[in-house]
């Protein structure tokens, strides 16, 4: 049976891996949103698709670029933490 300390440690590490993996996408979404919002405020263009499309393209682009990093991070977490726990008992 798994102790509470081990469970919470694995949970904490998993949440940290999720934060590390999502940071590039969230940062780009923030920058794209601020840029588009500033552009809209300066030009008085209030088009709904103008806020959605550039952010979506930026997020998809960063996801495509960082896919290798995210995969390596997730695989190392599973290989180093989850799989040994499952195999060990």
PDB file of N, CA and C in Angstrom:
ATOM      1  N   UNK A   1       0.837  -1.191   0.000  1.00  0.00           N
ATOM      2  CA  UNK A   1       0.000   0.000   0.000  1.00  0.00           C
ATOM      3  C   UNK A   1       0.878   1.248   0.000  1.00  0.00           C
ATOM      4  N   UNK A   2       0.489   2.222  -0.776  1.00  0.00           N
ATOM      5  CA  UNK A   2       1.254   3.451  -0.910  1.00  0.00           C
ATOM      6  C   UNK A   2       0.954   4.372   0.273  1.00  0.00           C
ATOM      7  N   UNK A   3       2.004   4.940   0.834  1.00  0.00           N
ATOM      8  CA  UNK A   3       1.796   5.854   1.950  1.00  0.00           C
ATOM      9  C   UNK A   3       1.338   7.217   1.429  1.00  0.00           C
ATOM     10  N   UNK A   4       0.795   8.000   2.324  1.00  0.00           N
ATOM     11  CA  UNK A   4       0.316   9.324   1.952  1.00  0.00           C
ATOM     12  C   UNK A   4       1.449  10.225   1.478  1.00  0.00           C
ATOM     13  N   UNK A   5       2.606  10.098   2.096  1.00  0.00           N
ATOM     14  CA  UNK A   5       3.738  10.943   1.708  1.00  0.00           C
ATOM     15  C   UNK A   5       4.181  10.670   0.277  1.00  0.00           C
ATOM     16  N   UNK A   6       4.231   9.415  -0.097  1.00  0.00           N
ATOM     17  CA  UNK A   6       4.627   9.060  -1.463  1.00  0.00           C
ATOM     18  C   UNK A   6       3.578   9.556  -2.459  1.00  0.00           C
ATOM     19  N   UNK A   7       2.306   9.369  -2.113  1.00  0.00           N
ATOM     20  CA  UNK A   7       1.227   9.820  -2.991  1.00  0.00           C
ATOM     21  C   UNK A   7       1.306  11.324  -3.223  1.00  0.00           C
ATOM     22  N   UNK A   8       1.450  12.095  -2.164  1.00  0.00           N
ATOM     23  CA  UNK A   8       1.487  13.550  -2.298  1.00  0.00           C
ATOM     24  C   UNK A   8       2.761  14.022  -2.998  1.00  0.00           C
ATOM     25  N   UNK A   9       3.846  13.300  -2.813  1.00  0.00           N
ATOM     26  CA  UNK A   9       5.077  13.657  -3.511  1.00  0.00           C
ATOM     27  C   UNK A   9       4.941  13.435  -5.012  1.00  0.00           C
ATOM     28  N   UNK A  10       4.349  12.309  -5.396  1.00  0.00           N
ATOM     29  CA  UNK A  10       4.128  12.028  -6.822  1.00  0.00           C
ATOM     30  C   UNK A  10       3.131  13.029  -7.405  1.00  0.00           C
ATOM     31  N   UNK A  11       2.100  13.367  -6.653  1.00  0.00           N
ATOM     32  CA  UNK A  11       1.119  14.351  -7.101  1.00  0.00           C
ATOM     33  C   UNK A  11       1.761  15.722  -7.273  1.00  0.00           C
ATOM     34  N   UNK A  12       2.593  16.122  -6.319  1.00  0.00           N
ATOM     35  CA  UNK A  12       3.280  17.408  -6.401  1.00  0.00           C
ATOM     36  C   UNK A  12       4.189  17.450  -7.617  1.00  0.00           C
ATOM     37  N   UNK A  13       4.939  16.382  -7.826  1.00  0.00           N
ATOM     38  CA  UNK A  13       5.835  16.335  -8.974  1.00  0.00           C
ATOM     39  C   UNK A  13       5.056  16.345 -10.290  1.00  0.00           C
ATOM     40  N   UNK A  14       3.937  15.660 -10.335  1.00  0.00           N
ATOM     41  CA  UNK A  14       3.103  15.668 -11.540  1.00  0.00           C
ATOM     42  C   UNK A  14       2.534  17.041 -11.841  1.00  0.00           C
ATOM     43  N   UNK A  15       2.112  17.750 -10.802  1.00  0.00           N
ATOM     44  CA  UNK A  15       1.612  19.106 -11.014  1.00  0.00           C
ATOM     45  C   UNK A  15       2.727  20.039 -11.471  1.00  0.00           C
ATOM     46  N   UNK A  16       3.933  19.854 -10.939  1.00  0.00           N
ATOM     47  CA  UNK A  16       5.058  20.674 -11.370  1.00  0.00           C
ATOM     48  C   UNK A  16       5.402  20.397 -12.831  1.00  0.00           C
ATOM     49  N   UNK A  17       5.335  19.144 -13.247  1.00  0.00           N
ATOM     50  CA  UNK A  17       5.574  18.795 -14.653  1.00  0.00           C
ATOM     51  C   UNK A  17       4.515  19.465 -15.535  1.00  0.00           C
ATOM     52  N   UNK A  18       3.266  19.482 -15.083  1.00  0.00           N
ATOM     53  CA  UNK A  18       2.200  20.141 -15.852  1.00  0.00           C
ATOM     54  C   UNK A  18       2.461  21.638 -15.983  1.00  0.00           C
ATOM     55  N   UNK A  19       2.940  22.255 -14.917  1.00  0.00           N
ATOM     56  CA  UNK A  19       3.260  23.687 -14.967  1.00  0.00           C
ATOM     57  C   UNK A  19       4.401  23.946 -15.939  1.00  0.00           C
ATOM     58  N   UNK A  20       5.447  23.120 -15.861  1.00  0.00           N
ATOM     59  CA  UNK A  20       6.611  23.286 -16.746  1.00  0.00           C
ATOM     60  C   UNK A  20       6.186  23.123 -18.214  1.00  0.00           C
ATOM     61  N   UNK A  21       5.330  22.152 -18.479  1.00  0.00           N
ATOM     62  CA  UNK A  21       4.922  21.890 -19.861  1.00  0.00           C
ATOM     63  C   UNK A  21       3.997  22.975 -20.407  1.00  0.00           C
ATOM     64  N   UNK A  22       3.166  23.558 -19.561  1.00  0.00           N
ATOM     65  CA  UNK A  22       2.190  24.532 -20.045  1.00  0.00           C
ATOM     66  C   UNK A  22       2.720  25.964 -20.077  1.00  0.00           C
ATOM     67  N   UNK A  23       3.856  26.227 -19.443  1.00  0.00           N
ATOM     68  CA  UNK A  23       4.374  27.593 -19.367  1.00  0.00           C
ATOM     69  C   UNK A  23       4.642  28.226 -20.735  1.00  0.00           C
ATOM     70  N   UNK A  24       5.295  27.551 -21.684  1.00  0.00           N
ATOM     71  CA  UNK A  24       5.526  28.218 -22.982  1.00  0.00           C
ATOM     72  C   UNK A  24       4.233  28.602 -23.695  1.00  0.00           C
ATOM     73  N   UNK A  25       3.254  27.730 -23.675  1.00  0.00           N
ATOM     74  CA  UNK A  25       1.993  28.011 -24.366  1.00  0.00           C
ATOM     75  C   UNK A  25       1.248  29.150 -23.678  1.00  0.00           C
ATOM     76  N   UNK A  26       1.200  29.125 -22.349  1.00  0.00           N
ATOM     77  CA  UNK A  26       0.499  30.184 -21.622  1.00  0.00           C
ATOM     78  C   UNK A  26       1.198  31.530 -21.778  1.00  0.00           C
ATOM     79  N   UNK A  27       2.520  31.525 -21.806  1.00  0.00           N
ATOM     80  CA  UNK A  27       3.256  32.783 -21.978  1.00  0.00           C
ATOM     81  C   UNK A  27       2.988  33.386 -23.353  1.00  0.00           C
ATOM     82  N   UNK A  28       2.992  32.553 -24.384  1.00  0.00           N
ATOM     83  CA  UNK A  28       2.725  33.054 -25.733  1.00  0.00           C
ATOM     84  C   UNK A  28       1.279  33.519 -25.855  1.00  0.00           C
ATOM     85  N   UNK A  29       0.348  32.815 -25.237  1.00  0.00           N
ATOM     86  CA  UNK A  29      -1.052  33.249 -25.267  1.00  0.00           C
ATOM     87  C   UNK A  29      -1.205  34.604 -24.577  1.00  0.00           C
ATOM     88  N   UNK A  30      -0.487  34.798 -23.478  1.00  0.00           N
ATOM     89  CA  UNK A  30      -0.541  36.073 -22.779  1.00  0.00           C
ATOM     90  C   UNK A  30       0.020  37.202 -23.637  1.00  0.00           C
ATOM     91  N   UNK A  31       1.183  36.978 -24.232  1.00  0.00           N
ATOM     92  CA  UNK A  31       1.801  38.011 -25.067  1.00  0.00           C
ATOM     93  C   UNK A  31       0.944  38.304 -26.296  1.00  0.00           C
ATOM     94  N   UNK A  32       0.422  37.271 -26.928  1.00  0.00           N
ATOM     95  CA  UNK A  32      -0.433  37.473 -28.107  1.00  0.00           C
ATOM     96  C   UNK A  32      -1.708  38.212 -27.730  1.00  0.00           C
ATOM     97  N   UNK A  33      -2.305  37.865 -26.604  1.00  0.00           N
ATOM     98  CA  UNK A  33      -3.515  38.546 -26.158  1.00  0.00           C
ATOM     99  C   UNK A  33      -3.265  40.009 -25.844  1.00  0.00           C
ATOM    100  N   UNK A  34      -2.155  40.295 -25.167  1.00  0.00           N
ATOM    101  CA  UNK A  34      -1.822  41.696 -24.869  1.00  0.00           C
ATOM    102  C   UNK A  34      -1.523  42.485 -26.134  1.00  0.00           C
ATOM    103  N   UNK A  35      -0.830  41.865 -27.071  1.00  0.00           N
ATOM    104  CA  UNK A  35      -0.508  42.546 -28.325  1.00  0.00           C
ATOM    105  C   UNK A  35      -1.763  42.849 -29.132  1.00  0.00           C
ATOM    106  N   UNK A  36      -2.641  41.875 -29.258  1.00  0.00           N
ATOM    107  CA  UNK A  36      -3.873  42.076 -30.013  1.00  0.00           C
ATOM    108  C   UNK A  36      -4.768  43.084 -29.302  1.00  0.00           C
ATOM    109  N   UNK A  37      -4.831  43.004 -27.973  1.00  0.00           N
ATOM    110  CA  UNK A  37      -5.630  43.970 -27.218  1.00  0.00           C
ATOM    111  C   UNK A  37      -5.108  45.389 -27.375  1.00  0.00           C
ATOM    112  N   UNK A  38      -3.796  45.554 -27.348  1.00  0.00           N
ATOM    113  CA  UNK A  38      -3.205  46.871 -27.556  1.00  0.00           C
ATOM    114  C   UNK A  38      -3.475  47.365 -28.970  1.00  0.00           C
ATOM    115  N   UNK A  39      -3.347  46.473 -29.938  1.00  0.00           N
ATOM    116  CA  UNK A  39      -3.645  46.845 -31.322  1.00  0.00           C
ATOM    117  C   UNK A  39      -5.103  47.283 -31.470  1.00  0.00           C
ATOM    118  N   UNK A  40      -6.015  46.545 -30.838  1.00  0.00           N
ATOM    119  CA  UNK A  40      -7.428  46.900 -30.920  1.00  0.00           C
ATOM    120  C   UNK A  40      -7.702  48.233 -30.236  1.00  0.00           C
ATOM    121  N   UNK A  41      -7.052  48.479 -29.116  1.00  0.00           N
ATOM    122  CA  UNK A  41      -7.274  49.743 -28.409  1.00  0.00           C
ATOM    123  C   UNK A  41      -6.727  50.926 -29.207  1.00  0.00           C
ATOM    124  N   UNK A  42      -5.592  50.721 -29.881  1.00  0.00           N
ATOM    125  CA  UNK A  42      -4.996  51.815 -30.647  1.00  0.00           C
ATOM    126  C   UNK A  42      -5.744  52.114 -31.941  1.00  0.00           C
ATOM    127  N   UNK A  43      -6.330  51.102 -32.554  1.00  0.00           N
ATOM    128  CA  UNK A  43      -6.994  51.299 -33.845  1.00  0.00           C
ATOM    129  C   UNK A  43      -8.509  51.344 -33.747  1.00  0.00           C
ATOM    130  N   UNK A  44      -9.064  51.086 -32.576  1.00  0.00           N
ATOM    131  CA  UNK A  44     -10.520  51.054 -32.354  1.00  0.00           C
ATOM    132  C   UNK A  44     -11.214  49.998 -33.211  1.00  0.00           C
ATOM    133  N   UNK A  45     -10.515  48.951 -33.572  1.00  0.00           N
ATOM    134  CA  UNK A  45     -11.106  47.825 -34.298  1.00  0.00           C
ATOM    135  C   UNK A  45     -11.579  46.816 -33.254  1.00  0.00           C
ATOM    136  N   UNK A  46     -12.857  46.554 -33.227  1.00  0.00           N
ATOM    137  CA  UNK A  46     -13.411  45.628 -32.244  1.00  0.00           C
ATOM    138  C   UNK A  46     -13.995  44.398 -32.944  1.00  0.00           C
ATOM    139  N   UNK A  47     -13.149  43.656 -33.562  1.00  0.00           N
ATOM    140  CA  UNK A  47     -13.557  42.447 -34.272  1.00  0.00           C
ATOM    141  C   UNK A  47     -13.251  41.235 -33.406  1.00  0.00           C
ATOM    142  N   UNK A  48     -14.226  40.360 -33.204  1.00  0.00           N
ATOM    143  CA  UNK A  48     -14.047  39.209 -32.324  1.00  0.00           C
ATOM    144  C   UNK A  48     -13.036  38.205 -32.894  1.00  0.00           C
ATOM    145  N   UNK A  49     -13.043  38.021 -34.199  1.00  0.00           N
ATOM    146  CA  UNK A  49     -12.102  37.055 -34.771  1.00  0.00           C
ATOM    147  C   UNK A  49     -10.666  37.562 -34.688  1.00  0.00           C
ATOM    148  N   UNK A  50     -10.480  38.879 -34.575  1.00  0.00           N
ATOM    149  CA  UNK A  50      -9.136  39.429 -34.456  1.00  0.00           C
ATOM    150  C   UNK A  50      -8.479  39.009 -33.144  1.00  0.00           C
ATOM    151  N   UNK A  51      -9.270  38.784 -32.114  1.00  0.00           N
ATOM    152  CA  UNK A  51      -8.690  38.333 -30.849  1.00  0.00           C
ATOM    153  C   UNK A  51      -8.449  36.837 -30.854  1.00  0.00           C
ATOM    154  N   UNK A  52      -9.253  36.094 -31.587  1.00  0.00           N
ATOM    155  CA  UNK A  52      -9.199  34.636 -31.533  1.00  0.00           C
ATOM    156  C   UNK A  52      -8.137  34.047 -32.461  1.00  0.00           C
ATOM    157  N   UNK A  53      -8.106  34.466 -33.698  1.00  0.00           N
ATOM    158  CA  UNK A  53      -7.259  33.840 -34.713  1.00  0.00           C
ATOM    159  C   UNK A  53      -5.762  34.018 -34.431  1.00  0.00           C
ATOM    160  N   UNK A  54      -5.271  35.232 -34.148  1.00  0.00           N
ATOM    161  CA  UNK A  54      -3.824  35.337 -33.871  1.00  0.00           C
ATOM    162  C   UNK A  54      -3.393  34.549 -32.637  1.00  0.00           C
ATOM    163  N   UNK A  55      -4.232  34.557 -31.606  1.00  0.00           N
ATOM    164  CA  UNK A  55      -3.884  33.788 -30.410  1.00  0.00           C
ATOM    165  C   UNK A  55      -3.850  32.296 -30.712  1.00  0.00           C
ATOM    166  N   UNK A  56      -4.811  31.818 -31.468  1.00  0.00           N
ATOM    167  CA  UNK A  56      -4.856  30.410 -31.833  1.00  0.00           C
ATOM    168  C   UNK A  56      -3.636  30.027 -32.670  1.00  0.00           C
ATOM    169  N   UNK A  57      -3.283  30.855 -33.626  1.00  0.00           N
ATOM    170  CA  UNK A  57      -2.112  30.573 -34.465  1.00  0.00           C
ATOM    171  C   UNK A  57      -0.827  30.580 -33.638  1.00  0.00           C
ATOM    172  N   UNK A  58      -0.710  31.526 -32.716  1.00  0.00           N
ATOM    173  CA  UNK A  58       0.485  31.594 -31.866  1.00  0.00           C
ATOM    174  C   UNK A  58       0.575  30.365 -30.966  1.00  0.00           C
ATOM    175  N   UNK A  59      -0.550  29.951 -30.395  1.00  0.00           N
ATOM    176  CA  UNK A  59      -0.561  28.788 -29.508  1.00  0.00           C
ATOM    177  C   UNK A  59      -0.220  27.519 -30.281  1.00  0.00           C
ATOM    178  N   UNK A  60      -0.803  27.352 -31.457  1.00  0.00           N
ATOM    179  CA  UNK A  60      -0.518  26.163 -32.269  1.00  0.00           C
ATOM    180  C   UNK A  60       0.950  26.156 -32.695  1.00  0.00           C
ATOM    181  N   UNK A  61       1.481  27.328 -33.063  1.00  0.00           N
ATOM    182  CA  UNK A  61       2.887  27.409 -33.459  1.00  0.00           C
ATOM    183  C   UNK A  61       3.827  27.048 -32.319  1.00  0.00           C
ATOM    184  N   UNK A  62       3.563  27.574 -31.131  1.00  0.00           N
ATOM    185  CA  UNK A  62       4.423  27.267 -29.988  1.00  0.00           C
ATOM    186  C   UNK A  62       4.257  25.812 -29.572  1.00  0.00           C
ATOM    187  N   UNK A  63       3.057  25.295 -29.661  1.00  0.00           N
ATOM    188  CA  UNK A  63       2.852  23.883 -29.355  1.00  0.00           C
ATOM    189  C   UNK A  63       3.664  23.016 -30.309  1.00  0.00           C
ATOM    190  N   UNK A  64       3.643  23.364 -31.584  1.00  0.00           N
ATOM    191  CA  UNK A  64       4.388  22.601 -32.586  1.00  0.00           C
ATOM    192  C   UNK A  64       5.889  22.661 -32.311  1.00  0.00           C
ATOM    193  N   UNK A  65       6.379  23.849 -31.942  1.00  0.00           N
ATOM    194  CA  UNK A  65       7.809  24.024 -31.687  1.00  0.00           C
ATOM    195  C   UNK A  65       8.246  23.285 -30.417  1.00  0.00           C
ATOM    196  N   UNK A  66       7.424  23.315 -29.377  1.00  0.00           N
ATOM    197  CA  UNK A  66       7.816  22.746 -28.077  1.00  0.00           C
ATOM    198  C   UNK A  66       7.312  21.320 -27.856  1.00  0.00           C
ATOM    199  N   UNK A  67       6.791  20.687 -28.883  1.00  0.00           N
ATOM    200  CA  UNK A  67       6.296  19.320 -28.721  1.00  0.00           C
ATOM    201  C   UNK A  67       7.379  18.367 -28.241  1.00  0.00           C
ATOM    202  N   UNK A  68       8.585  18.475 -28.778  1.00  0.00           N
ATOM    203  CA  UNK A  68       9.682  17.610 -28.363  1.00  0.00           C
ATOM    204  C   UNK A  68      10.029  17.795 -26.899  1.00  0.00           C
ATOM    205  N   UNK A  69      10.106  19.057 -26.462  1.00  0.00           N
ATOM    206  CA  UNK A  69      10.383  19.357 -25.063  1.00  0.00           C
ATOM    207  C   UNK A  69       9.303  18.785 -24.144  1.00  0.00           C
ATOM    208  N   UNK A  70       8.052  18.980 -24.531  1.00  0.00           N
ATOM    209  CA  UNK A  70       6.945  18.478 -23.699  1.00  0.00           C
ATOM    210  C   UNK A  70       6.954  16.958 -23.634  1.00  0.00           C
ATOM    211  N   UNK A  71       7.230  16.316 -24.753  1.00  0.00           N
ATOM    212  CA  UNK A  71       7.278  14.859 -24.782  1.00  0.00           C
ATOM    213  C   UNK A  71       8.404  14.331 -23.912  1.00  0.00           C
ATOM    214  N   UNK A  72       9.589  14.937 -24.030  1.00  0.00           N
ATOM    215  CA  UNK A  72      10.713  14.499 -23.204  1.00  0.00           C
ATOM    216  C   UNK A  72      10.432  14.697 -21.722  1.00  0.00           C
ATOM    217  N   UNK A  73       9.813  15.819 -21.369  1.00  0.00           N
ATOM    218  CA  UNK A  73       9.496  16.101 -19.965  1.00  0.00           C
ATOM    219  C   UNK A  73       8.510  15.080 -19.420  1.00  0.00           C
ATOM    220  N   UNK A  74       7.475  14.791 -20.175  1.00  0.00           N
ATOM    221  CA  UNK A  74       6.460  13.844 -19.717  1.00  0.00           C
ATOM    222  C   UNK A  74       7.004  12.420 -19.653  1.00  0.00           C
ATOM    223  N   UNK A  75       7.783  12.036 -20.640  1.00  0.00           N
ATOM    224  CA  UNK A  75       8.359  10.691 -20.648  1.00  0.00           C
ATOM    225  C   UNK A  75       9.340  10.515 -19.492  1.00  0.00           C
ATOM    226  N   UNK A  76      10.146  11.534 -19.221  1.00  0.00           N
ATOM    227  CA  UNK A  76      11.088  11.412 -18.106  1.00  0.00           C
ATOM    228  C   UNK A  76      10.357  11.341 -16.772  1.00  0.00           C
ATOM    229  N   UNK A  77       9.235  12.056 -16.641  1.00  0.00           N
ATOM    230  CA  UNK A  77       8.441  11.955 -15.411  1.00  0.00           C
ATOM    231  C   UNK A  77       7.880  10.543 -15.249  1.00  0.00           C
ATOM    232  N   UNK A  78       7.320  10.011 -16.312  1.00  0.00           N
ATOM    233  CA  UNK A  78       6.735   8.672 -16.215  1.00  0.00           C
ATOM    234  C   UNK A  78       7.804   7.608 -16.019  1.00  0.00           C
ATOM    235  N   UNK A  79       8.911   7.716 -16.761  1.00  0.00           N
ATOM    236  CA  UNK A  79       9.985   6.720 -16.628  1.00  0.00           C
ATOM    237  C   UNK A  79      10.665   6.807 -15.271  1.00  0.00           C
ATOM    238  N   UNK A  80      10.791   8.003 -14.733  1.00  0.00           N
ATOM    239  CA  UNK A  80      11.505   8.162 -13.473  1.00  0.00           C
ATOM    240  C   UNK A  80      10.644   8.017 -12.236  1.00  0.00           C
ATOM    241  N   UNK A  81       9.341   8.235 -12.349  1.00  0.00           N
ATOM    242  CA  UNK A  81       8.489   8.263 -11.158  1.00  0.00           C
ATOM    243  C   UNK A  81       7.338   7.247 -11.218  1.00  0.00           C
ATOM    244  N   UNK A  82       6.527   7.341 -12.244  1.00  0.00           N
ATOM    245  CA  UNK A  82       5.280   6.560 -12.264  1.00  0.00           C
ATOM    246  C   UNK A  82       5.546   5.083 -12.566  1.00  0.00           C
ATOM    247  N   UNK A  83       6.309   4.792 -13.607  1.00  0.00           N
ATOM    248  CA  UNK A  83       6.542   3.401 -14.000  1.00  0.00           C
ATOM    249  C   UNK A  83       7.266   2.614 -12.897  1.00  0.00           C
ATOM    250  N   UNK A  84       8.316   3.164 -12.256  1.00  0.00           N
ATOM    251  CA  UNK A  84       8.930   2.405 -11.161  1.00  0.00           C
ATOM    252  C   UNK A  84       7.983   2.140  -9.998  1.00  0.00           C
ATOM    253  N   UNK A  85       7.069   3.054  -9.744  1.00  0.00           N
ATOM    254  CA  UNK A  85       6.094   2.825  -8.663  1.00  0.00           C
ATOM    255  C   UNK A  85       5.128   1.691  -9.030  1.00  0.00           C
ATOM    256  N   UNK A  86       4.729   1.666 -10.309  1.00  0.00           N
ATOM    257  CA  UNK A  86       3.816   0.608 -10.746  1.00  0.00           C
ATOM    258  C   UNK A  86       4.552  -0.744 -10.753  1.00  0.00           C
ATOM    259  N   UNK A  87       5.772  -0.747 -11.249  1.00  0.00           N
ATOM    260  CA  UNK A  87       6.530  -1.992 -11.324  1.00  0.00           C
ATOM    261  C   UNK A  87       6.937  -2.479  -9.947  1.00  0.00           C
ATOM    262  N   UNK A  88       7.165  -1.553  -9.031  1.00  0.00           N
ATOM    263  CA  UNK A  88       7.604  -1.929  -7.696  1.00  0.00           C
ATOM    264  C   UNK A  88       6.488  -2.402  -6.783  1.00  0.00           C
ATOM    265  N   UNK A  89       5.288  -2.149  -7.183  1.00  0.00           N
ATOM    266  CA  UNK A  89       4.318  -2.690  -6.283  1.00  0.00           C
ATOM    267  C   UNK A  89       3.006  -2.065  -6.264  1.00  0.00           C
TER     268      UNK A  89
END
